[in-house]
Amino acid sequence: RVQLGALDALLLKMMAPSPADRFASYDQLLRALDLASDSESRPAGFWVRSVAMTLDFAAIGIIIISAKLGLTMAGIDLDDVPLVLPIFAILQTLATHRGTTFGKAVMELEMIDVDTLGRPSLARSIRRTLMMLGVPLLADLIQPFFDHGSTDPAESGFQISFESVLGIITVLWCVAGLVNLTYASLRASGRRTWWDRVGRTMVRYRTTRRSLAPGS
């Protein structure tokens, strides 16, 4: 069975007025049909992706807490250093390039390049991560520069105001991500979020059939 939204997109591409907008080869058409087929590429929905991401954060949190505890016992204090999101972003990028994260592997999910059906390239993995975590990551990295209070009331007010703005932006970004994931799970072709579209990726249930594309 082929997803209706994906089938519409396939037909439009096949009937495009300009030859440059159509499939360049029969192999490309076969890969597109494979991607659109529920039997071969069943896209993951909201709940399974949410659980997978929660497992990813939990695993990284345990690793970071254990590392901080060990460093504290060695006399090294890293309490003021933002670690969770930067490390999560790095591991997320590498895991995307590999094709799955810890949480997705547990939930039997994989990430694929929608053009090749193989593993996403490193460049596309970076773009995907930045679209998913870019704003919270930036806020987390610049936050320590405004953590120290000031005796000047004006400067103190600016500090509180700036930190509040960072917090609000981060919360809004996270809420927007959840809304987009919900919408993608219900309405979007391939259940692809905005970070999937920018990264040219899709999250699907792992299939036993391997793509013949390079890098798969």
N, C-alpha and C. Protein backbone atom coordinates (compact mmCIF):
# COMPACT_ATOMS: atom_id res chain seq x y z
N ARG A 1 0.83 -1.20 0.00
CA ARG A 1 0.00 0.00 0.00
C ARG A 1 0.86 1.24 0.00
N VAL A 2 0.50 2.23 -0.78
CA VAL A 2 1.26 3.47 -0.89
C VAL A 2 0.51 4.58 -0.19
N GLN A 3 1.21 5.40 0.58
CA GLN A 3 0.59 6.52 1.27
C GLN A 3 -0.01 7.48 0.24
N LEU A 4 -1.22 7.96 0.50
CA LEU A 4 -1.91 8.79 -0.48
C LEU A 4 -1.18 10.10 -0.75
N GLY A 5 -0.69 10.76 0.32
CA GLY A 5 0.02 12.02 0.13
C GLY A 5 1.28 11.83 -0.68
N ALA A 6 2.02 10.77 -0.39
CA ALA A 6 3.25 10.49 -1.13
C ALA A 6 2.93 10.12 -2.57
N LEU A 7 1.82 9.40 -2.80
CA LEU A 7 1.43 9.02 -4.15
C LEU A 7 1.09 10.25 -4.98
N ASP A 8 0.39 11.20 -4.38
CA ASP A 8 0.08 12.45 -5.09
C ASP A 8 1.36 13.16 -5.51
N ALA A 9 2.33 13.21 -4.59
CA ALA A 9 3.59 13.88 -4.90
C ALA A 9 4.33 13.15 -6.02
N LEU A 10 4.28 11.82 -6.00
CA LEU A 10 4.92 11.04 -7.05
C LEU A 10 4.30 11.30 -8.42
N LEU A 11 2.98 11.32 -8.47
CA LEU A 11 2.30 11.54 -9.74
C LEU A 11 2.58 12.93 -10.28
N LEU A 12 2.60 13.94 -9.39
CA LEU A 12 2.89 15.30 -9.82
C LEU A 12 4.31 15.40 -10.38
N LYS A 13 5.24 14.71 -9.73
CA LYS A 13 6.62 14.74 -10.21
C LYS A 13 6.76 14.01 -11.55
N MET A 14 6.04 12.90 -11.69
CA MET A 14 6.12 12.15 -12.94
C MET A 14 5.50 12.92 -14.10
N MET A 15 4.50 13.76 -13.81
CA MET A 15 3.81 14.51 -14.87
C MET A 15 4.26 15.96 -14.96
N ALA A 16 5.38 16.30 -14.33
CA ALA A 16 5.87 17.68 -14.34
C ALA A 16 6.11 18.14 -15.78
N PRO A 17 5.71 19.38 -16.12
CA PRO A 17 5.90 19.88 -17.49
C PRO A 17 7.36 19.90 -17.93
N SER A 18 8.24 20.25 -17.01
CA SER A 18 9.67 20.33 -17.34
C SER A 18 10.36 18.99 -17.08
N PRO A 19 11.11 18.47 -18.04
CA PRO A 19 11.83 17.20 -17.83
C PRO A 19 12.79 17.25 -16.65
N ALA A 20 13.31 18.44 -16.36
CA ALA A 20 14.26 18.57 -15.26
C ALA A 20 13.59 18.32 -13.91
N ASP A 21 12.26 18.50 -13.85
CA ASP A 21 11.53 18.31 -12.59
C ASP A 21 11.04 16.88 -12.42
N ARG A 22 11.21 16.04 -13.44
CA ARG A 22 10.78 14.65 -13.33
C ARG A 22 11.91 13.78 -12.79
N PHE A 23 11.62 12.51 -12.58
CA PHE A 23 12.65 11.58 -12.12
C PHE A 23 13.71 11.43 -13.22
N ALA A 24 14.97 11.51 -12.82
CA ALA A 24 16.05 11.45 -13.80
C ALA A 24 16.29 10.04 -14.32
N SER A 25 15.86 9.04 -13.55
CA SER A 25 16.09 7.66 -13.98
C SER A 25 15.01 6.75 -13.40
N TYR A 26 14.95 5.55 -13.92
CA TYR A 26 14.00 4.56 -13.43
C TYR A 26 14.34 4.16 -12.00
N ASP A 27 15.63 4.13 -11.68
CA ASP A 27 16.07 3.79 -10.33
C ASP A 27 15.56 4.81 -9.31
N GLN A 28 15.58 6.09 -9.68
CA GLN A 28 15.06 7.13 -8.78
C GLN A 28 13.57 6.93 -8.53
N LEU A 29 12.84 6.58 -9.56
CA LEU A 29 11.41 6.33 -9.41
C LEU A 29 11.16 5.14 -8.49
N LEU A 30 11.95 4.08 -8.65
CA LEU A 30 11.80 2.91 -7.78
C LEU A 30 12.09 3.25 -6.33
N ARG A 31 13.13 4.08 -6.09
CA ARG A 31 13.45 4.47 -4.72
C ARG A 31 12.31 5.30 -4.12
N ALA A 32 11.72 6.18 -4.95
CA ALA A 32 10.61 7.01 -4.47
C ALA A 32 9.40 6.15 -4.14
N LEU A 33 9.12 5.14 -4.96
CA LEU A 33 8.02 4.23 -4.68
C LEU A 33 8.29 3.42 -3.42
N ASP A 34 9.54 3.01 -3.25
CA ASP A 34 9.93 2.27 -2.05
C ASP A 34 9.71 3.12 -0.81
N LEU A 35 10.09 4.40 -0.90
CA LEU A 35 9.94 5.31 0.23
C LEU A 35 8.47 5.53 0.57
N ALA A 36 7.61 5.55 -0.45
CA ALA A 36 6.20 5.84 -0.23
C ALA A 36 5.41 4.62 0.22
N SER A 37 5.99 3.45 0.10
CA SER A 37 5.27 2.22 0.42
C SER A 37 5.24 1.97 1.92
N ASP A 38 4.06 1.80 2.47
CA ASP A 38 3.92 1.48 3.89
C ASP A 38 4.54 0.13 4.23
N SER A 39 4.51 -0.79 3.28
CA SER A 39 5.03 -2.12 3.56
C SER A 39 6.55 -2.13 3.69
N GLU A 40 7.23 -1.17 3.04
CA GLU A 40 8.69 -1.11 3.10
C GLU A 40 9.20 0.05 3.94
N SER A 41 8.44 1.15 3.98
CA SER A 41 8.88 2.34 4.70
C SER A 41 7.73 2.90 5.52
N ARG A 42 7.44 2.28 6.64
CA ARG A 42 6.33 2.73 7.47
C ARG A 42 6.82 3.84 8.38
N PRO A 43 6.43 5.09 8.13
CA PRO A 43 6.93 6.21 8.93
C PRO A 43 6.47 6.15 10.38
N ALA A 44 7.34 6.58 11.28
CA ALA A 44 7.03 6.56 12.71
C ALA A 44 6.16 7.74 13.08
N GLY A 45 5.26 7.52 14.05
CA GLY A 45 4.34 8.55 14.49
C GLY A 45 4.80 9.28 15.74
N PHE A 46 3.88 10.07 16.30
CA PHE A 46 4.19 10.97 17.40
C PHE A 46 4.68 10.23 18.64
N TRP A 47 3.92 9.25 19.10
CA TRP A 47 4.22 8.63 20.39
C TRP A 47 5.53 7.85 20.36
N VAL A 48 5.74 7.08 19.33
CA VAL A 48 6.96 6.27 19.30
C VAL A 48 8.19 7.16 19.16
N ARG A 49 8.09 8.27 18.41
CA ARG A 49 9.22 9.19 18.29
C ARG A 49 9.45 9.94 19.60
N SER A 50 8.37 10.29 20.29
CA SER A 50 8.51 10.98 21.58
C SER A 50 9.18 10.08 22.61
N VAL A 51 8.77 8.82 22.65
CA VAL A 51 9.39 7.87 23.59
C VAL A 51 10.87 7.69 23.25
N ALA A 52 11.18 7.58 21.96
CA ALA A 52 12.57 7.40 21.54
C ALA A 52 13.43 8.59 21.97
N MET A 53 12.92 9.81 21.80
CA MET A 53 13.68 11.00 22.19
C MET A 53 13.84 11.07 23.70
N THR A 54 12.80 10.68 24.43
CA THR A 54 12.90 10.65 25.90
C THR A 54 13.99 9.68 26.35
N LEU A 55 14.06 8.53 25.71
CA LEU A 55 15.10 7.56 26.03
C LEU A 55 16.49 8.12 25.70
N ASP A 56 16.59 8.86 24.61
CA ASP A 56 17.87 9.47 24.24
C ASP A 56 18.32 10.46 25.31
N PHE A 57 17.41 11.34 25.74
CA PHE A 57 17.75 12.33 26.77
C PHE A 57 18.10 11.63 28.08
N ALA A 58 17.35 10.59 28.42
CA ALA A 58 17.61 9.88 29.68
C ALA A 58 18.99 9.23 29.65
N ALA A 59 19.34 8.60 28.53
CA ALA A 59 20.64 7.94 28.43
C ALA A 59 21.78 8.95 28.53
N ILE A 60 21.64 10.06 27.82
CA ILE A 60 22.69 11.09 27.86
C ILE A 60 22.75 11.72 29.24
N GLY A 61 21.58 11.94 29.86
CA GLY A 61 21.56 12.51 31.21
C GLY A 61 22.30 11.63 32.21
N ILE A 62 22.09 10.33 32.12
CA ILE A 62 22.78 9.39 33.02
C ILE A 62 24.29 9.45 32.81
N ILE A 63 24.70 9.51 31.54
CA ILE A 63 26.13 9.57 31.23
C ILE A 63 26.75 10.86 31.79
N ILE A 64 26.06 11.99 31.58
CA ILE A 64 26.61 13.28 32.02
C ILE A 64 26.64 13.37 33.54
N ILE A 65 25.58 12.91 34.21
CA ILE A 65 25.55 12.94 35.67
C ILE A 65 26.67 12.08 36.24
N SER A 66 26.87 10.92 35.65
CA SER A 66 27.95 10.03 36.12
C SER A 66 29.31 10.68 35.90
N ALA A 67 29.48 11.32 34.74
CA ALA A 67 30.76 11.98 34.45
C ALA A 67 31.00 13.15 35.40
N LYS A 68 29.96 13.95 35.64
CA LYS A 68 30.10 15.09 36.56
C LYS A 68 30.44 14.62 37.97
N LEU A 69 29.80 13.54 38.40
CA LEU A 69 30.06 13.00 39.74
C LEU A 69 31.52 12.56 39.86
N GLY A 70 31.99 11.89 38.82
CA GLY A 70 33.38 11.46 38.84
C GLY A 70 34.35 12.63 38.85
N LEU A 71 34.05 13.68 38.06
CA LEU A 71 34.92 14.86 38.01
C LEU A 71 34.86 15.64 39.32
N THR A 72 33.67 15.69 39.94
CA THR A 72 33.54 16.38 41.23
C THR A 72 34.37 15.69 42.30
N MET A 73 34.35 14.36 42.29
CA MET A 73 35.16 13.61 43.24
C MET A 73 36.66 13.83 42.99
N ALA A 74 37.00 14.19 41.75
CA ALA A 74 38.40 14.47 41.42
C ALA A 74 38.75 15.93 41.64
N GLY A 75 37.78 16.72 42.12
CA GLY A 75 38.04 18.13 42.41
C GLY A 75 37.80 19.06 41.24
N ILE A 76 37.12 18.60 40.19
CA ILE A 76 36.85 19.44 39.02
C ILE A 76 35.37 19.78 39.01
N ASP A 77 35.06 21.08 39.05
CA ASP A 77 33.68 21.55 39.13
C ASP A 77 33.22 22.03 37.75
N LEU A 78 32.20 21.39 37.19
CA LEU A 78 31.67 21.79 35.88
C LEU A 78 30.20 22.17 35.97
N ASP A 79 29.76 22.59 37.16
CA ASP A 79 28.34 22.90 37.35
C ASP A 79 27.88 24.05 36.46
N ASP A 80 28.77 25.02 36.19
CA ASP A 80 28.38 26.19 35.40
C ASP A 80 28.59 26.00 33.91
N VAL A 81 29.05 24.83 33.51
CA VAL A 81 29.32 24.57 32.10
C VAL A 81 28.13 23.85 31.46
N PRO A 82 27.52 24.44 30.41
CA PRO A 82 26.40 23.75 29.75
C PRO A 82 26.90 22.52 29.02
N LEU A 83 26.37 21.37 29.38
CA LEU A 83 26.85 20.13 28.79
C LEU A 83 25.75 19.31 28.11
N VAL A 84 24.56 19.30 28.72
CA VAL A 84 23.53 18.36 28.26
C VAL A 84 23.16 18.58 26.79
N LEU A 85 22.73 19.81 26.45
CA LEU A 85 22.29 20.04 25.08
C LEU A 85 23.43 19.97 24.06
N PRO A 86 24.60 20.57 24.34
CA PRO A 86 25.70 20.43 23.36
C PRO A 86 26.08 18.97 23.10
N ILE A 87 26.17 18.18 24.17
CA ILE A 87 26.53 16.77 23.98
C ILE A 87 25.40 16.04 23.26
N PHE A 88 24.17 16.35 23.63
CA PHE A 88 23.03 15.73 22.95
C PHE A 88 23.05 16.07 21.46
N ALA A 89 23.34 17.34 21.13
CA ALA A 89 23.36 17.77 19.73
C ALA A 89 24.45 17.04 18.95
N ILE A 90 25.63 16.90 19.55
CA ILE A 90 26.74 16.20 18.88
C ILE A 90 26.38 14.73 18.66
N LEU A 91 25.89 14.08 19.71
CA LEU A 91 25.54 12.66 19.59
C LEU A 91 24.36 12.46 18.64
N GLN A 92 23.41 13.41 18.65
CA GLN A 92 22.27 13.32 17.75
C GLN A 92 22.73 13.39 16.30
N THR A 93 23.68 14.28 16.01
CA THR A 93 24.21 14.41 14.66
C THR A 93 24.91 13.14 14.22
N LEU A 94 25.78 12.62 15.08
CA LEU A 94 26.51 11.40 14.74
C LEU A 94 25.57 10.20 14.60
N ALA A 95 24.56 10.15 15.48
CA ALA A 95 23.61 9.04 15.43
C ALA A 95 22.75 9.11 14.17
N THR A 96 22.36 10.34 13.78
CA THR A 96 21.59 10.50 12.55
C THR A 96 22.40 10.02 11.36
N HIS A 97 23.67 10.41 11.34
CA HIS A 97 24.56 9.97 10.26
C HIS A 97 24.70 8.44 10.25
N ARG A 98 24.66 7.86 11.44
CA ARG A 98 24.76 6.39 11.56
C ARG A 98 23.44 5.71 11.17
N GLY A 99 22.33 6.43 11.31
CA GLY A 99 21.04 5.87 10.92
C GLY A 99 20.07 5.64 12.05
N THR A 100 20.54 5.73 13.31
CA THR A 100 19.64 5.55 14.44
C THR A 100 20.29 6.06 15.72
N THR A 101 19.48 6.41 16.70
CA THR A 101 19.96 6.79 18.02
C THR A 101 19.68 5.63 18.97
N PHE A 102 20.12 5.78 20.22
CA PHE A 102 19.85 4.75 21.22
C PHE A 102 18.35 4.53 21.37
N GLY A 103 17.60 5.64 21.56
CA GLY A 103 16.16 5.52 21.76
C GLY A 103 15.45 4.95 20.55
N LYS A 104 15.86 5.38 19.36
CA LYS A 104 15.22 4.88 18.15
C LYS A 104 15.55 3.40 17.94
N ALA A 105 16.76 3.01 18.29
CA ALA A 105 17.12 1.59 18.16
C ALA A 105 16.25 0.73 19.08
N VAL A 106 16.02 1.22 20.31
CA VAL A 106 15.16 0.49 21.24
C VAL A 106 13.74 0.35 20.69
N MET A 107 13.26 1.43 20.05
CA MET A 107 11.90 1.43 19.49
C MET A 107 11.86 0.86 18.07
N GLU A 108 13.00 0.32 17.61
CA GLU A 108 13.11 -0.29 16.28
C GLU A 108 12.79 0.71 15.17
N LEU A 109 13.38 1.91 15.30
CA LEU A 109 13.24 2.95 14.29
C LEU A 109 14.60 3.21 13.65
N GLU A 110 14.55 3.80 12.47
CA GLU A 110 15.78 4.21 11.80
C GLU A 110 15.53 5.51 11.05
N MET A 111 16.60 6.26 10.80
CA MET A 111 16.53 7.49 10.02
C MET A 111 17.17 7.24 8.66
N ILE A 112 16.49 7.68 7.61
CA ILE A 112 17.00 7.46 6.26
C ILE A 112 17.02 8.77 5.48
N ASP A 113 17.85 8.81 4.46
CA ASP A 113 17.87 9.89 3.49
C ASP A 113 16.76 9.62 2.49
N VAL A 114 15.84 10.59 2.31
CA VAL A 114 14.69 10.35 1.45
C VAL A 114 15.08 10.28 -0.03
N ASP A 115 16.27 10.76 -0.38
CA ASP A 115 16.69 10.72 -1.78
C ASP A 115 17.38 9.42 -2.14
N THR A 116 18.08 8.81 -1.18
CA THR A 116 18.83 7.59 -1.47
C THR A 116 18.30 6.37 -0.73
N LEU A 117 17.49 6.60 0.30
CA LEU A 117 17.01 5.56 1.20
C LEU A 117 18.14 4.92 2.01
N GLY A 118 19.32 5.51 1.95
CA GLY A 118 20.44 5.06 2.77
C GLY A 118 20.58 5.94 4.00
N ARG A 119 21.71 5.83 4.66
CA ARG A 119 21.95 6.65 5.84
C ARG A 119 22.19 8.10 5.43
N PRO A 120 21.70 9.06 6.22
CA PRO A 120 21.90 10.47 5.88
C PRO A 120 23.38 10.84 5.89
N SER A 121 23.75 11.75 5.01
CA SER A 121 25.12 12.25 5.00
C SER A 121 25.37 13.08 6.24
N LEU A 122 26.65 13.34 6.53
CA LEU A 122 26.99 14.14 7.71
C LEU A 122 26.44 15.55 7.58
N ALA A 123 26.51 16.13 6.39
CA ALA A 123 26.00 17.50 6.19
C ALA A 123 24.50 17.56 6.46
N ARG A 124 23.76 16.59 5.96
CA ARG A 124 22.31 16.59 6.20
C ARG A 124 22.00 16.29 7.66
N SER A 125 22.84 15.49 8.30
CA SER A 125 22.64 15.21 9.72
C SER A 125 22.84 16.47 10.56
N ILE A 126 23.84 17.27 10.20
CA ILE A 126 24.08 18.53 10.91
C ILE A 126 22.92 19.48 10.71
N ARG A 127 22.45 19.62 9.48
CA ARG A 127 21.31 20.51 9.21
C ARG A 127 20.08 20.07 10.00
N ARG A 128 19.84 18.79 10.05
CA ARG A 128 18.68 18.27 10.78
C ARG A 128 18.77 18.60 12.26
N THR A 129 19.95 18.41 12.86
CA THR A 129 20.13 18.68 14.28
C THR A 129 19.98 20.17 14.58
N LEU A 130 20.54 21.02 13.72
CA LEU A 130 20.44 22.47 13.95
C LEU A 130 18.99 22.94 13.85
N MET A 131 18.22 22.38 12.94
CA MET A 131 16.82 22.75 12.84
C MET A 131 16.01 22.26 14.02
N MET A 132 16.42 21.15 14.62
CA MET A 132 15.68 20.59 15.75
C MET A 132 16.10 21.24 17.07
N LEU A 133 17.41 21.50 17.25
CA LEU A 133 17.92 21.94 18.55
C LEU A 133 18.64 23.28 18.51
N GLY A 134 18.70 23.93 17.35
CA GLY A 134 19.51 25.13 17.20
C GLY A 134 19.20 26.23 18.20
N VAL A 135 17.93 26.60 18.34
CA VAL A 135 17.56 27.70 19.23
C VAL A 135 17.80 27.36 20.70
N PRO A 136 17.31 26.22 21.21
CA PRO A 136 17.62 25.87 22.61
C PRO A 136 19.12 25.73 22.85
N LEU A 137 19.85 25.21 21.87
CA LEU A 137 21.30 25.05 22.02
C LEU A 137 21.99 26.40 22.14
N LEU A 138 21.62 27.35 21.28
CA LEU A 138 22.21 28.69 21.35
C LEU A 138 21.91 29.35 22.68
N ALA A 139 20.65 29.24 23.14
CA ALA A 139 20.28 29.82 24.43
C ALA A 139 21.06 29.19 25.57
N ASP A 140 21.27 27.89 25.50
CA ASP A 140 22.01 27.18 26.55
C ASP A 140 23.47 27.61 26.58
N LEU A 141 24.05 27.87 25.41
CA LEU A 141 25.46 28.22 25.34
C LEU A 141 25.74 29.65 25.82
N ILE A 142 24.81 30.57 25.56
CA ILE A 142 25.06 31.96 25.97
C ILE A 142 24.53 32.27 27.36
N GLN A 143 23.71 31.37 27.92
CA GLN A 143 23.15 31.59 29.25
C GLN A 143 24.21 31.83 30.33
N PRO A 144 25.32 31.07 30.37
CA PRO A 144 26.30 31.27 31.46
C PRO A 144 26.89 32.67 31.52
N PHE A 145 26.91 33.39 30.39
CA PHE A 145 27.46 34.74 30.37
C PHE A 145 26.59 35.73 31.12
N PHE A 146 25.35 35.34 31.45
CA PHE A 146 24.44 36.23 32.16
C PHE A 146 24.02 35.64 33.50
N ASP A 147 24.78 34.66 33.98
CA ASP A 147 24.43 34.01 35.24
C ASP A 147 24.88 34.80 36.47
N HIS A 148 25.88 35.63 36.33
CA HIS A 148 26.42 36.32 37.49
C HIS A 148 25.69 37.65 37.70
N GLY A 149 25.23 37.85 38.92
CA GLY A 149 24.47 39.04 39.25
C GLY A 149 25.30 40.29 39.24
N SER A 150 24.64 41.42 39.28
CA SER A 150 25.32 42.71 39.28
C SER A 150 24.74 43.59 40.37
N THR A 151 25.57 44.45 40.94
CA THR A 151 25.10 45.37 41.98
C THR A 151 24.37 46.55 41.35
N ASP A 152 24.54 46.77 40.08
CA ASP A 152 23.86 47.85 39.38
C ASP A 152 22.43 47.43 39.07
N PRO A 153 21.42 48.15 39.61
CA PRO A 153 20.02 47.75 39.39
C PRO A 153 19.67 47.67 37.91
N ALA A 154 20.22 48.62 37.13
CA ALA A 154 19.90 48.61 35.71
C ALA A 154 20.45 47.36 35.04
N GLU A 155 21.69 47.01 35.36
CA GLU A 155 22.30 45.82 34.78
C GLU A 155 21.59 44.56 35.27
N SER A 156 21.20 44.57 36.55
CA SER A 156 20.49 43.42 37.10
C SER A 156 19.16 43.21 36.40
N GLY A 157 18.46 44.33 36.13
CA GLY A 157 17.20 44.25 35.42
C GLY A 157 17.37 43.71 34.02
N PHE A 158 18.46 44.15 33.35
CA PHE A 158 18.73 43.67 32.01
C PHE A 158 19.00 42.17 32.04
N GLN A 159 19.76 41.72 33.06
CA GLN A 159 20.10 40.31 33.19
C GLN A 159 18.83 39.47 33.32
N ILE A 160 17.94 39.89 34.24
CA ILE A 160 16.70 39.14 34.46
C ILE A 160 15.86 39.14 33.19
N SER A 161 15.77 40.31 32.54
CA SER A 161 14.96 40.42 31.33
C SER A 161 15.52 39.54 30.22
N PHE A 162 16.83 39.58 30.04
CA PHE A 162 17.45 38.80 28.96
C PHE A 162 17.30 37.31 29.21
N GLU A 163 17.52 36.87 30.44
CA GLU A 163 17.38 35.46 30.77
C GLU A 163 15.94 35.00 30.58
N SER A 164 15.00 35.88 30.93
CA SER A 164 13.59 35.54 30.76
C SER A 164 13.25 35.37 29.28
N VAL A 165 13.79 36.27 28.45
CA VAL A 165 13.55 36.18 27.01
C VAL A 165 14.11 34.87 26.46
N LEU A 166 15.33 34.52 26.89
CA LEU A 166 15.93 33.26 26.45
C LEU A 166 15.05 32.07 26.84
N GLY A 167 14.56 32.10 28.08
CA GLY A 167 13.71 31.01 28.55
C GLY A 167 12.42 30.91 27.76
N ILE A 168 11.80 32.07 27.49
CA ILE A 168 10.54 32.09 26.74
C ILE A 168 10.75 31.58 25.32
N ILE A 169 11.84 32.03 24.68
CA ILE A 169 12.13 31.59 23.31
C ILE A 169 12.36 30.08 23.26
N THR A 170 13.09 29.57 24.25
CA THR A 170 13.36 28.13 24.29
C THR A 170 12.07 27.34 24.46
N VAL A 171 11.21 27.79 25.39
CA VAL A 171 9.94 27.10 25.62
C VAL A 171 9.07 27.13 24.37
N LEU A 172 9.00 28.31 23.72
CA LEU A 172 8.18 28.44 22.51
C LEU A 172 8.71 27.54 21.40
N TRP A 173 10.03 27.45 21.29
CA TRP A 173 10.63 26.59 20.27
C TRP A 173 10.28 25.12 20.53
N CYS A 174 10.37 24.71 21.79
CA CYS A 174 10.04 23.32 22.14
C CYS A 174 8.56 23.03 21.89
N VAL A 175 7.69 23.98 22.25
CA VAL A 175 6.25 23.80 22.00
C VAL A 175 5.98 23.73 20.51
N ALA A 176 6.64 24.61 19.73
CA ALA A 176 6.46 24.60 18.28
C ALA A 176 6.92 23.25 17.70
N GLY A 177 8.01 22.71 18.26
CA GLY A 177 8.49 21.41 17.80
C GLY A 177 7.49 20.30 18.07
N LEU A 178 6.88 20.32 19.27
CA LEU A 178 5.88 19.31 19.60
C LEU A 178 4.64 19.44 18.71
N VAL A 179 4.23 20.70 18.46
CA VAL A 179 3.08 20.93 17.58
C VAL A 179 3.38 20.42 16.18
N ASN A 180 4.59 20.73 15.71
CA ASN A 180 4.96 20.29 14.37
C ASN A 180 5.04 18.77 14.27
N LEU A 181 5.58 18.14 15.33
CA LEU A 181 5.64 16.67 15.34
C LEU A 181 4.24 16.07 15.33
N THR A 182 3.33 16.69 16.09
CA THR A 182 1.94 16.22 16.11
C THR A 182 1.30 16.38 14.74
N TYR A 183 1.47 17.56 14.14
CA TYR A 183 0.90 17.81 12.81
C TYR A 183 1.48 16.84 11.78
N ALA A 184 2.82 16.67 11.83
CA ALA A 184 3.47 15.78 10.88
C ALA A 184 2.95 14.35 11.02
N SER A 185 2.72 13.92 12.26
CA SER A 185 2.23 12.57 12.50
C SER A 185 0.82 12.36 11.97
N LEU A 186 0.05 13.44 11.91
CA LEU A 186 -1.35 13.33 11.50
C LEU A 186 -1.58 13.67 10.03
N ARG A 187 -0.81 14.65 9.51
CA ARG A 187 -1.15 15.19 8.21
C ARG A 187 -0.05 15.14 7.16
N ALA A 188 1.20 15.23 7.58
CA ALA A 188 2.30 15.37 6.61
C ALA A 188 2.63 14.06 5.92
N SER A 189 3.00 14.15 4.66
CA SER A 189 3.43 12.97 3.92
C SER A 189 4.72 12.42 4.52
N GLY A 190 4.72 11.13 4.81
CA GLY A 190 5.89 10.52 5.42
C GLY A 190 6.07 10.89 6.88
N ARG A 191 5.09 11.63 7.45
CA ARG A 191 5.15 12.07 8.84
C ARG A 191 6.47 12.80 9.13
N ARG A 192 6.89 13.64 8.20
CA ARG A 192 8.17 14.32 8.31
C ARG A 192 7.99 15.71 8.92
N THR A 193 8.78 15.98 9.96
CA THR A 193 8.76 17.27 10.64
C THR A 193 9.58 18.28 9.85
N TRP A 194 9.64 19.53 10.37
CA TRP A 194 10.42 20.54 9.65
C TRP A 194 11.90 20.19 9.64
N TRP A 195 12.40 19.57 10.73
CA TRP A 195 13.82 19.22 10.72
C TRP A 195 14.08 18.04 9.79
N ASP A 196 13.07 17.17 9.60
CA ASP A 196 13.22 16.11 8.62
C ASP A 196 13.26 16.67 7.20
N ARG A 197 12.44 17.67 6.94
CA ARG A 197 12.38 18.24 5.60
C ARG A 197 13.67 18.99 5.26
N VAL A 198 14.18 19.75 6.22
CA VAL A 198 15.43 20.48 5.98
C VAL A 198 16.59 19.51 5.81
N GLY A 199 16.62 18.47 6.63
CA GLY A 199 17.68 17.48 6.55
C GLY A 199 17.48 16.43 5.49
N ARG A 200 16.32 16.48 4.80
CA ARG A 200 15.98 15.49 3.77
C ARG A 200 16.02 14.07 4.34
N THR A 201 15.41 13.92 5.54
CA THR A 201 15.39 12.63 6.21
C THR A 201 13.96 12.20 6.52
N MET A 202 13.82 10.96 6.93
CA MET A 202 12.55 10.44 7.40
C MET A 202 12.83 9.41 8.48
N VAL A 203 11.98 9.40 9.51
CA VAL A 203 12.09 8.40 10.57
C VAL A 203 11.04 7.33 10.30
N ARG A 204 11.48 6.10 10.18
CA ARG A 204 10.56 5.01 9.87
C ARG A 204 10.86 3.80 10.76
N TYR A 205 9.92 2.87 10.78
CA TYR A 205 10.19 1.61 11.46
C TYR A 205 11.25 0.85 10.66
N ARG A 206 12.14 0.21 11.38
CA ARG A 206 13.23 -0.50 10.73
C ARG A 206 12.68 -1.58 9.81
N THR A 207 13.23 -1.64 8.63
CA THR A 207 12.81 -2.64 7.66
C THR A 207 13.92 -3.65 7.45
N THR A 208 13.55 -4.88 7.16
CA THR A 208 14.55 -5.91 6.93
C THR A 208 15.17 -5.80 5.56
N ARG A 209 14.51 -5.07 4.66
CA ARG A 209 15.04 -4.89 3.31
C ARG A 209 16.00 -3.72 3.30
N ARG A 210 17.19 -3.91 2.79
CA ARG A 210 18.20 -2.87 2.73
C ARG A 210 18.18 -2.19 1.38
N SER A 211 18.40 -0.87 1.40
CA SER A 211 18.48 -0.13 0.15
C SER A 211 19.76 -0.47 -0.59
N LEU A 212 19.72 -0.37 -1.90
CA LEU A 212 20.89 -0.59 -2.72
C LEU A 212 21.68 0.69 -2.90
N ALA A 213 21.21 1.79 -2.29
CA ALA A 213 21.88 3.07 -2.44
C ALA A 213 23.20 3.06 -1.73
N PRO A 214 24.18 3.88 -2.20
CA PRO A 214 25.47 3.96 -1.53
C PRO A 214 25.31 4.48 -0.12
N GLY A 215 26.09 3.94 0.79
CA GLY A 215 26.06 4.40 2.16
C GLY A 215 25.00 3.77 3.00
N SER A 216 24.20 2.86 2.42
CA SER A 216 23.13 2.23 3.19
C SER A 216 23.67 1.09 4.02
